[in-house]
Amino acid sequence: MSVVEQAVAVGGPELEQVRRLVTEIPGPRSRELAARRAAALPAGLTSAQPVFAAAGGGGVLVDVDGNSFIDFGSGIAVTSVGNSAARVVARATEQLQQFTHTCFLVNPYEGYVEVCEALNRLTPGDHEKRTALFNTGAEALENAVKYARMATGRTGVVVFDHAYHGRSMLTMAMTAKNTPYKKGFGPLAGEVYRSPMAYPYRAPGGAERATADALAALRDLIDVQVGADQIACVVLEPIQGEGGFIVPSPGFFPAVAELCRERGILFVADEVQTGFARTGDMFACEHEGVVPDLITTAKGLAGGLPLAAVTGRAEIMDTVHPGGIGGTYSGNPVSCAAALGVIESIEQEGLVERARQIGTAFLGRLREIAASSPVVGDVRGRGAMIAVELVRPGTTEPDPAAVAAVVKYCQERGLLVLTAGTYGNVLRFLPPLVMPDHLLAEGLDILSEAFAAL
C-alpha cells in the first residue's frame, strides 16, 4: 500500500500528525492532475495551492504524492474542528445511510430543526430567535438583506471599505474589492452604499482617531447622503476576512450597532468567517458584547459540508410571507448532521479556549518576527484568526511580492498558508483548532525562517 493509500485509509484525526516531504512541491501526481484540470476547467476558476489533496485530519493535509503539510488555512476557516472530525463523520455517515435529501420545503426532517434550535441557543442575545438555513455565506447574506428589507420596508444597504460578503449579484455589490470579485460582471445591484472602515493601521487620522473618524463618516452617509429612513440594514464583519483580517478599532463595532438602533436600522453581523469559536469566542460579536439583529454564519458551521444560516430576532424573521424564503438544497440533511457534530466537537473539546491558546502562540511569535523584519507593518487578529500585513520597509506601501515569497518558501517546506487583503499584502493564519502543539510550533518555526530568508 502506498503512502497516499495509507493516508486515505487512515484519514481523519487518526492521520499521523507529522510534516513530511517525499517529492518536490508540487509532486508528479499533482502536476499530472493540474494538466487535466487545465483541460477540463475554466481559467477563471483558480486555486491558491498547487497540490491536490488526498487526505486530511487534525492539523495536516496529505497530497496525492504523499507529502504531509501543516495546514494553517483550514479550507478558509471551514475545517476548524479538523478535516474528517470524528463526531462530524459519525453523524454525517449515519444520516447518509438514512437519506440524503427530501427537500425541507417538501418533507421536513428533525436535523434541520435541531440545527436551528442550536443556533438560536448559541448566537448572542437572550431574545426570542428564529433561524433559516441556506447553502453558502453569500446566500445567507442575500437572505439577511431580504429579511431586513421586508421587516423595515426600506431598501438601502450600508457596507464598509475592505468588506467581503460574497460573489453573487447582490453580494458582489456589497464586496469592496473589484479584482477579482467584481471586474467585468456588472451592472451590479443597486441601493448599496459604502462607508469607511475603522482600520487602525491605515486610518488617515491615525489609529487613535480611527473609531471617531469612521463613525463621523458613517453618520454623514446615513443621515445626509442617503437618509436613515431609506436604509434597511448596515452589514459589518466583526473582523473583516478577505479584506485582510482587519480588527476594527476599539469601540467601533458596538458604536455602529448603537447608531443603527437609534435610527431604526437593522444591524447585521456577518460572521461567515469569524463564527464558531474561530476568534476565541463562539462568535466574534461577543468580544465587545454586541447583540446583532441578524447574524449570518457559514464556513465553520458544518465541518466542510455546505451549510449556512441567518439567525435573527423572531419579529424580524417572521415578517416574510410563506414560501418567500428557501431553496432546493438549503439545510441538506447530511450537512445538518455534520453541523451538529461540529457544535458538539466545539463544546465537548473546549475549542473556544483552544482558539485563544493558538492566538497567544501566534501573536507572540509574529511580534518577535516583526521586531526583526522591516517588511512587517502590522500584526493583528483575535483567537485563531491572525494576520500580518507586509509593506515596503520604512513605508506603509503594500508589498504583495513579499507575501508571495513567504507563501512560496512555506509551501516548499510543507507549510500551507493563505493570503488576503484589499492590496494582496496580508498573510492570514487559520489553523484547525485541533492542531497539536508540536505542529503549531513547527509551522511557526518555518514561518520565522521564511521571513529571515526575505
Protein backbone atom coordinates (compact mmCIF):
# COMPACT_ATOMS: atom_id res chain seq x y z
CA MET A 1 0.00 0.00 0.00
CA SER A 2 1.42 3.40 -0.99
CA VAL A 3 1.88 6.33 1.38
CA VAL A 4 -1.12 8.04 -0.22
CA GLU A 5 -3.31 4.92 0.05
CA GLN A 6 -2.32 4.56 3.71
CA ALA A 7 -3.21 8.20 4.38
CA VAL A 8 -6.58 7.87 2.69
CA ALA A 9 -7.29 4.62 4.54
CA VAL A 10 -6.48 6.14 7.91
CA GLY A 11 -7.65 9.71 7.32
CA GLY A 12 -9.35 11.95 9.80
CA PRO A 13 -7.99 12.52 13.31
CA GLU A 14 -6.06 9.22 13.15
CA LEU A 15 -3.83 10.57 10.37
CA GLU A 16 -0.22 10.81 11.51
CA GLN A 17 0.38 14.34 12.77
CA VAL A 18 3.68 14.97 11.08
CA ARG A 19 5.14 17.19 8.37
CA ARG A 20 6.68 15.01 5.68
CA LEU A 21 8.03 15.85 2.23
CA VAL A 22 8.68 12.94 -0.14
CA THR A 23 8.69 14.76 -3.50
CA GLU A 24 9.35 18.21 -4.86
CA ILE A 25 6.40 20.60 -4.48
CA PRO A 26 4.21 20.18 -6.44
CA GLY A 27 4.88 16.49 -6.95
CA PRO A 28 4.41 14.49 -10.17
CA ARG A 29 0.87 13.35 -9.41
CA SER A 30 -0.24 16.92 -8.56
CA ARG A 31 1.35 18.15 -11.79
CA GLU A 32 -0.47 15.46 -13.75
CA LEU A 33 -3.78 16.48 -12.20
CA ALA A 34 -3.00 20.14 -12.87
CA ALA A 35 -2.69 19.34 -16.59
CA ARG A 36 -6.03 17.52 -16.55
CA ARG A 37 -7.55 20.42 -14.66
CA ALA A 38 -6.33 22.93 -17.24
CA ALA A 39 -8.03 20.95 -19.99
CA ALA A 40 -11.32 20.48 -18.14
CA LEU A 41 -11.90 23.60 -16.00
CA PRO A 42 -12.32 27.26 -16.99
CA ALA A 43 -9.31 29.55 -16.49
CA GLY A 44 -11.16 31.82 -14.07
CA LEU A 45 -11.51 29.03 -11.51
CA THR A 46 -8.20 29.14 -9.65
CA SER A 47 -6.64 27.57 -6.56
CA ALA A 48 -4.22 29.13 -4.10
CA GLN A 49 -2.10 25.99 -3.70
CA PRO A 50 -0.65 23.76 -6.48
CA VAL A 51 -1.02 20.49 -4.54
CA PHE A 52 -4.03 18.19 -4.85
CA ALA A 53 -5.43 16.83 -1.59
CA ALA A 54 -5.80 13.14 -0.82
CA ALA A 55 -6.47 13.07 2.94
CA GLY A 56 -6.66 15.37 5.91
CA GLY A 57 -7.11 15.30 9.64
CA GLY A 58 -6.06 17.07 12.81
CA GLY A 59 -3.54 19.69 11.70
CA VAL A 60 -2.26 18.10 8.47
CA LEU A 61 -3.24 17.79 4.83
CA VAL A 62 -1.75 14.97 2.72
CA ASP A 63 -1.45 15.44 -1.03
CA VAL A 64 -1.74 12.89 -3.84
CA ASP A 65 2.06 12.44 -3.85
CA GLY A 66 2.19 11.54 -0.17
CA ASN A 67 3.52 14.86 1.11
CA SER A 68 2.09 15.80 4.50
CA PHE A 69 1.64 19.54 5.05
CA ILE A 70 1.00 21.53 8.21
CA ASP A 71 -2.29 23.27 7.49
CA PHE A 72 -2.52 26.93 8.53
CA GLY A 73 -5.59 27.54 6.36
CA SER A 74 -8.41 25.14 7.37
CA GLY A 75 -10.03 25.50 3.95
CA ILE A 76 -10.53 29.22 4.72
CA ALA A 77 -11.79 28.70 8.29
CA VAL A 78 -14.08 25.82 7.33
CA THR A 79 -12.45 22.78 8.93
CA SER A 80 -11.99 24.40 12.33
CA VAL A 81 -12.75 21.12 14.13
CA GLY A 82 -10.39 19.27 11.78
CA ASN A 83 -10.76 17.59 8.45
CA SER A 84 -12.91 14.48 9.00
CA ALA A 85 -13.52 15.17 12.69
CA ALA A 86 -14.82 12.02 14.38
CA ARG A 87 -18.15 13.44 15.56
CA VAL A 88 -18.80 15.07 12.19
CA VAL A 89 -18.03 11.90 10.26
CA ALA A 90 -20.13 9.72 12.57
CA ARG A 91 -23.22 11.93 12.37
CA ALA A 92 -22.92 12.55 8.63
CA THR A 93 -22.38 8.83 7.92
CA GLU A 94 -25.43 7.86 9.92
CA GLN A 95 -27.51 10.40 8.03
CA LEU A 96 -26.16 9.25 4.65
CA GLN A 97 -27.37 5.75 5.47
CA GLN A 98 -30.87 7.06 6.25
CA PHE A 99 -31.50 9.51 3.38
CA THR A 100 -29.52 12.19 1.54
CA HIS A 101 -32.32 14.55 0.56
CA THR A 102 -36.03 15.19 0.68
CA CYS A 103 -36.01 19.00 0.32
CA PHE A 104 -37.07 20.60 3.57
CA LEU A 105 -39.64 22.64 1.62
CA VAL A 106 -41.39 19.36 0.72
CA ASN A 107 -40.75 16.88 3.53
CA PRO A 108 -39.15 18.41 6.64
CA TYR A 109 -36.81 16.48 8.93
CA GLU A 110 -35.61 16.77 12.50
CA GLY A 111 -31.96 17.58 11.76
CA TYR A 112 -32.87 20.94 10.23
CA VAL A 113 -34.90 21.85 13.30
CA GLU A 114 -32.08 20.73 15.63
CA VAL A 115 -29.52 22.95 13.90
CA CYS A 116 -31.86 25.94 14.08
CA GLU A 117 -32.50 25.30 17.77
CA ALA A 118 -28.75 25.11 18.40
CA LEU A 119 -28.08 28.39 16.55
CA ASN A 120 -30.91 30.11 18.40
CA ARG A 121 -29.28 28.99 21.63
CA LEU A 122 -25.67 29.78 20.76
CA THR A 123 -25.83 33.13 18.95
CA PRO A 124 -25.58 36.33 21.03
CA GLY A 125 -28.65 37.61 22.89
CA ASP A 126 -31.34 36.04 25.04
CA HIS A 127 -34.26 37.34 22.93
CA GLU A 128 -36.56 35.01 21.01
CA LYS A 129 -34.91 33.97 17.74
CA ARG A 130 -35.58 32.17 14.50
CA THR A 131 -33.08 30.58 12.09
CA ALA A 132 -33.28 29.73 8.39
CA LEU A 133 -30.69 27.54 6.66
CA PHE A 134 -29.03 28.03 3.28
CA ASN A 135 -26.04 26.69 1.33
CA THR A 136 -23.34 29.39 1.24
CA GLY A 137 -22.24 32.52 3.02
CA ALA A 138 -23.29 34.66 0.06
CA GLU A 139 -26.76 33.10 0.13
CA ALA A 140 -27.03 33.82 3.84
CA LEU A 141 -26.07 37.48 3.28
CA GLU A 142 -28.58 37.89 0.44
CA ASN A 143 -31.33 36.44 2.59
CA ALA A 144 -30.37 38.61 5.56
CA VAL A 145 -30.89 41.63 3.30
CA LYS A 146 -34.23 40.20 2.17
CA TYR A 147 -35.34 39.84 5.78
CA ALA A 148 -34.15 43.36 6.61
CA ARG A 149 -35.95 44.89 3.65
CA MET A 150 -39.16 43.06 4.42
CA ALA A 151 -39.07 43.95 8.12
CA THR A 152 -38.27 47.64 7.62
CA GLY A 153 -39.97 48.42 4.32
CA ARG A 154 -36.71 50.11 3.25
CA THR A 155 -34.22 49.15 0.56
CA GLY A 156 -30.80 50.67 1.32
CA VAL A 157 -27.85 48.54 2.45
CA VAL A 158 -24.72 50.05 4.03
CA VAL A 159 -21.40 48.18 3.95
CA PHE A 160 -17.77 49.17 4.53
CA ASP A 161 -14.46 49.62 2.79
CA HIS A 162 -12.44 46.37 2.61
CA ALA A 163 -15.60 44.29 3.16
CA TYR A 164 -16.14 40.90 1.59
CA HIS A 165 -19.64 39.43 1.58
CA GLY A 166 -19.65 37.08 -1.42
CA ARG A 167 -19.72 36.70 -5.19
CA SER A 168 -23.44 36.55 -6.01
CA MET A 169 -25.04 39.50 -7.79
CA LEU A 170 -26.08 41.34 -4.62
CA THR A 171 -23.08 40.37 -2.51
CA MET A 172 -20.66 41.38 -5.28
CA ALA A 173 -22.04 44.89 -4.88
CA MET A 174 -21.59 44.60 -1.11
CA THR A 175 -17.98 43.40 -1.50
CA ALA A 176 -15.41 46.18 -1.70
CA LYS A 177 -12.59 44.80 -3.85
CA ASN A 178 -13.05 44.97 -7.62
CA THR A 179 -10.47 42.48 -8.92
CA PRO A 180 -11.04 39.56 -8.96
CA TYR A 181 -14.50 39.61 -7.41
CA LYS A 182 -16.46 42.17 -9.46
CA LYS A 183 -14.40 43.01 -12.55
CA GLY A 184 -16.45 42.62 -15.73
CA PHE A 185 -19.58 41.27 -14.04
CA GLY A 186 -21.65 44.48 -13.84
CA PRO A 187 -24.01 46.17 -13.71
CA LEU A 188 -24.20 45.36 -10.03
CA ALA A 189 -27.17 45.51 -7.70
CA GLY A 190 -28.20 48.99 -6.61
CA GLU A 191 -29.05 50.57 -3.26
CA VAL A 192 -25.72 49.51 -1.75
CA TYR A 193 -23.70 52.27 -0.04
CA ARG A 194 -20.15 52.10 1.29
CA SER A 195 -18.63 53.80 4.33
CA PRO A 196 -15.00 53.99 5.56
CA MET A 197 -13.78 51.23 7.87
CA ALA A 198 -12.14 51.91 11.24
CA TYR A 199 -8.88 50.32 10.07
CA PRO A 200 -6.31 51.20 12.76
CA TYR A 201 -3.18 50.58 10.68
CA ARG A 202 -4.37 52.67 7.72
CA ALA A 203 -6.65 55.23 9.36
CA PRO A 204 -5.97 58.62 7.69
CA GLY A 205 -6.07 60.42 11.05
CA GLY A 206 -4.08 57.77 12.89
CA ALA A 207 -5.12 54.74 14.94
CA GLU A 208 -6.25 56.85 17.90
CA ARG A 209 -8.83 58.63 15.70
CA ALA A 210 -9.92 55.62 13.67
CA THR A 211 -13.19 54.99 15.52
CA ALA A 212 -14.28 58.63 15.74
CA ASP A 213 -13.46 59.40 12.11
CA ALA A 214 -15.14 56.29 10.72
CA LEU A 215 -18.26 56.90 12.82
CA ALA A 216 -18.46 60.52 11.65
CA ALA A 217 -18.31 59.35 8.04
CA LEU A 218 -20.98 56.71 8.69
CA ARG A 219 -23.32 59.25 10.29
CA ASP A 220 -22.87 61.57 7.34
CA LEU A 221 -23.63 58.76 4.88
CA ILE A 222 -26.73 57.63 6.76
CA ASP A 223 -28.19 60.99 7.78
CA VAL A 224 -27.14 63.27 4.94
CA GLN A 225 -26.26 61.37 1.80
CA VAL A 226 -28.83 58.55 1.87
CA GLY A 227 -31.32 59.25 4.66
CA ALA A 228 -31.82 56.94 7.61
CA ASP A 229 -35.42 56.27 6.59
CA GLN A 230 -34.15 54.73 3.34
CA ILE A 231 -31.75 52.23 4.92
CA ALA A 232 -32.87 48.71 5.78
CA CYS A 233 -29.62 47.46 7.30
CA VAL A 234 -25.96 48.02 7.99
CA VAL A 235 -23.80 44.92 7.41
CA LEU A 236 -20.44 44.63 9.16
CA GLU A 237 -17.91 41.84 9.77
CA PRO A 238 -16.66 41.81 13.40
CA ILE A 239 -13.24 41.12 11.88
CA GLN A 240 -13.01 41.71 8.15
CA GLY A 241 -11.97 38.47 6.46
CA GLU A 242 -10.88 38.70 2.83
CA GLY A 243 -10.17 42.40 3.37
CA GLY A 244 -7.14 41.43 5.45
CA PHE A 245 -8.32 40.28 8.90
CA ILE A 246 -8.89 43.89 9.86
CA VAL A 247 -9.86 44.13 13.51
CA PRO A 248 -11.95 47.32 13.87
CA SER A 249 -10.52 49.88 16.25
CA PRO A 250 -11.90 49.50 19.80
CA GLY A 251 -15.47 50.66 20.22
CA PHE A 252 -16.33 50.90 16.53
CA PHE A 253 -18.32 47.68 16.27
CA PRO A 254 -20.63 48.40 19.24
CA ALA A 255 -20.95 52.07 18.21
CA VAL A 256 -22.21 51.05 14.76
CA ALA A 257 -24.76 48.73 16.37
CA GLU A 258 -25.94 51.54 18.65
CA LEU A 259 -26.16 54.01 15.77
CA CYS A 260 -28.39 51.54 13.93
CA ARG A 261 -30.68 51.16 16.93
CA GLU A 262 -31.03 54.93 17.28
CA ARG A 263 -32.18 55.22 13.65
CA GLY A 264 -34.36 52.14 13.36
CA ILE A 265 -31.87 50.42 11.04
CA LEU A 266 -31.22 46.70 11.41
CA PHE A 267 -27.67 45.69 12.30
CA VAL A 268 -26.39 42.57 10.52
CA ALA A 269 -23.22 40.87 11.77
CA ASP A 270 -21.50 38.88 9.02
CA GLU A 271 -19.89 36.04 11.00
CA VAL A 272 -19.40 33.78 8.00
CA GLN A 273 -15.62 33.59 8.61
CA THR A 274 -15.42 34.62 12.27
CA GLY A 275 -18.07 32.31 13.72
CA PHE A 276 -17.87 29.00 15.59
CA ALA A 277 -15.01 29.51 18.05
CA ARG A 278 -12.57 30.85 15.47
CA THR A 279 -11.78 34.11 17.30
CA GLY A 280 -11.70 32.75 20.85
CA ASP A 281 -15.39 33.42 21.41
CA MET A 282 -18.15 31.29 19.95
CA PHE A 283 -18.99 34.36 17.87
CA ALA A 284 -16.78 37.39 17.38
CA CYS A 285 -19.65 39.74 18.29
CA GLU A 286 -19.28 38.60 21.86
CA HIS A 287 -15.83 40.17 22.24
CA GLU A 288 -17.39 43.61 22.63
CA GLY A 289 -20.78 42.44 23.87
CA VAL A 290 -22.69 43.24 20.67
CA VAL A 291 -26.07 41.60 20.06
CA PRO A 292 -26.95 41.96 16.36
CA ASP A 293 -30.47 41.95 14.96
CA LEU A 294 -29.41 39.38 12.37
CA ILE A 295 -26.29 37.20 12.21
CA THR A 296 -25.05 35.20 9.23
CA THR A 297 -22.95 32.05 9.56
CA ALA A 298 -21.46 29.51 7.16
CA LYS A 299 -17.81 28.35 6.76
CA GLY A 300 -17.11 26.71 10.14
CA LEU A 301 -20.71 25.62 10.66
CA ALA A 302 -20.70 22.14 9.09
CA GLY A 303 -17.07 21.00 9.01
CA GLY A 304 -16.72 21.23 5.23
CA LEU A 305 -20.23 20.35 4.11
CA PRO A 306 -22.23 23.20 2.50
CA LEU A 307 -24.43 24.90 5.07
CA ALA A 308 -25.16 28.50 6.02
CA ALA A 309 -27.67 30.27 8.22
CA VAL A 310 -29.41 33.50 9.07
CA THR A 311 -30.36 33.80 12.73
CA GLY A 312 -32.32 36.80 13.93
CA ARG A 313 -34.93 38.32 16.14
CA ALA A 314 -38.19 36.43 15.85
CA GLU A 315 -40.19 39.55 14.98
CA ILE A 316 -37.86 40.21 12.03
CA MET A 317 -37.61 36.66 10.76
CA ASP A 318 -41.38 36.12 10.94
CA THR A 319 -42.18 39.05 8.61
CA VAL A 320 -41.56 37.15 5.37
CA HIS A 321 -44.63 35.54 3.76
CA PRO A 322 -44.86 31.73 3.42
CA GLY A 323 -42.74 30.47 0.53
CA GLY A 324 -40.67 33.66 0.34
CA ILE A 325 -37.51 32.03 1.67
CA GLY A 326 -35.86 28.71 0.88
CA GLY A 327 -34.08 26.62 -1.73
CA THR A 328 -33.91 23.07 -3.04
CA TYR A 329 -30.76 22.10 -1.16
CA SER A 330 -30.97 24.57 1.73
CA GLY A 331 -30.44 22.78 5.02
CA ASN A 332 -29.45 19.49 3.40
CA PRO A 333 -29.89 16.68 5.97
CA VAL A 334 -26.29 15.43 5.74
CA SER A 335 -24.96 18.97 6.19
CA CYS A 336 -27.26 19.43 9.18
CA ALA A 337 -25.95 16.23 10.76
CA ALA A 338 -22.39 17.45 10.21
CA ALA A 339 -23.20 20.79 11.82
CA LEU A 340 -24.49 19.07 14.93
CA GLY A 341 -21.19 17.16 15.04
CA VAL A 342 -19.26 20.42 14.73
CA ILE A 343 -21.16 22.08 17.57
CA GLU A 344 -20.73 19.01 19.76
CA SER A 345 -16.98 18.96 18.99
CA ILE A 346 -16.56 22.63 19.90
CA GLU A 347 -18.45 22.26 23.18
CA GLN A 348 -17.06 18.87 24.24
CA GLU A 349 -13.42 19.52 23.25
CA GLY A 350 -13.07 23.05 24.63
CA LEU A 351 -12.24 24.56 21.25
CA VAL A 352 -13.22 28.12 22.19
CA GLU A 353 -10.44 28.14 24.77
CA ARG A 354 -8.13 26.32 22.36
CA ALA A 355 -8.58 29.15 19.84
CA ARG A 356 -7.37 31.60 22.48
CA GLN A 357 -4.30 29.44 23.17
CA ILE A 358 -3.48 29.30 19.46
CA GLY A 359 -3.86 33.07 19.22
CA THR A 360 -1.45 33.62 22.10
CA ALA A 361 1.15 31.38 20.46
CA PHE A 362 0.78 33.07 17.07
CA LEU A 363 0.82 36.63 18.32
CA GLY A 364 3.91 36.04 20.46
CA ARG A 365 5.94 34.57 17.60
CA LEU A 366 4.70 37.06 15.00
CA ARG A 367 5.63 40.01 17.20
CA GLU A 368 9.11 38.53 17.55
CA ILE A 369 9.28 38.31 13.75
CA ALA A 370 8.02 41.90 13.41
CA ALA A 371 10.75 43.15 15.73
CA SER A 372 13.44 41.89 13.37
CA SER A 373 11.72 42.12 9.99
CA PRO A 374 11.17 45.58 8.45
CA VAL A 375 8.60 44.22 5.99
CA VAL A 376 6.05 43.59 8.78
CA GLY A 377 3.82 46.64 9.04
CA ASP A 378 1.14 45.24 11.34
CA VAL A 379 0.35 42.13 13.37
CA ARG A 380 -3.31 41.70 14.25
CA GLY A 381 -6.12 39.30 14.91
CA ARG A 382 -8.02 37.51 17.61
CA GLY A 383 -8.01 33.88 18.67
CA ALA A 384 -7.03 31.58 15.81
CA MET A 385 -7.71 34.28 13.19
CA ILE A 386 -4.38 36.08 12.90
CA ALA A 387 -2.67 38.11 10.17
CA VAL A 388 0.45 40.06 9.31
CA GLU A 389 0.39 42.93 6.84
CA LEU A 390 3.57 43.30 4.77
CA VAL A 391 4.87 46.64 3.50
CA ARG A 392 7.97 48.05 1.88
CA PRO A 393 10.47 48.80 4.66
CA GLY A 394 10.10 52.26 6.14
CA THR A 395 6.71 52.88 4.50
CA THR A 396 3.10 51.73 4.62
CA GLU A 397 3.18 50.86 0.91
CA PRO A 398 1.73 47.36 0.41
CA ASP A 399 4.22 44.67 -0.58
CA PRO A 400 2.39 41.74 -2.20
CA ALA A 401 5.68 40.44 -3.65
CA ALA A 402 6.98 39.79 -0.14
CA VAL A 403 3.77 37.91 0.67
CA ALA A 404 4.22 35.74 -2.43
CA ALA A 405 7.82 34.97 -1.42
CA VAL A 406 6.82 33.90 2.09
CA VAL A 407 4.00 31.71 0.76
CA LYS A 408 6.33 30.01 -1.71
CA TYR A 409 9.03 29.43 0.92
CA CYS A 410 6.49 27.88 3.32
CA GLN A 411 4.82 25.77 0.65
CA GLU A 412 8.13 24.25 -0.47
CA ARG A 413 8.84 23.26 3.15
CA GLY A 414 5.49 21.70 3.93
CA LEU A 415 3.50 24.58 5.42
CA LEU A 416 0.28 25.82 3.82
CA VAL A 417 -0.58 29.49 4.42
CA LEU A 418 -3.19 31.77 2.84
CA THR A 419 -3.17 35.37 1.70
CA ALA A 420 -5.76 38.14 1.94
CA GLY A 421 -6.14 41.90 1.88
CA THR A 422 -7.52 44.56 -0.42
CA TYR A 423 -3.95 45.15 -1.63
CA GLY A 424 -2.90 41.48 -1.62
CA ASN A 425 -0.28 42.13 1.04
CA VAL A 426 -1.61 40.18 4.03
CA LEU A 427 -0.70 36.70 5.26
CA ARG A 428 -3.57 35.16 7.18
CA PHE A 429 -3.47 32.22 9.54
CA LEU A 430 -6.46 29.98 10.26
CA PRO A 431 -5.12 26.71 11.71
CA PRO A 432 -7.56 23.97 12.71
CA LEU A 433 -8.46 24.40 16.37
CA VAL A 434 -7.49 20.76 16.94
CA MET A 435 -3.92 21.24 15.68
CA PRO A 436 -1.44 19.72 18.18
CA ASP A 437 1.12 22.00 19.81
CA HIS A 438 4.13 20.40 18.13
CA LEU A 439 2.77 21.13 14.65
CA LEU A 440 1.84 24.66 15.63
CA ALA A 441 5.38 25.30 16.87
CA GLU A 442 6.96 23.66 13.83
CA GLY A 443 4.83 25.75 11.48
CA LEU A 444 5.77 28.95 13.29
CA ASP A 445 9.44 27.98 13.05
CA ILE A 446 9.10 27.65 9.27
CA LEU A 447 7.34 30.99 9.13
CA SER A 448 10.19 32.61 11.05
CA GLU A 449 12.67 31.11 8.61
CA ALA A 450 10.62 32.44 5.68
CA PHE A 451 10.86 36.00 7.00
CA ALA A 452 14.55 35.61 7.71
CA ALA A 453 15.02 34.48 4.10
CA LEU A 454 13.47 37.72 2.84
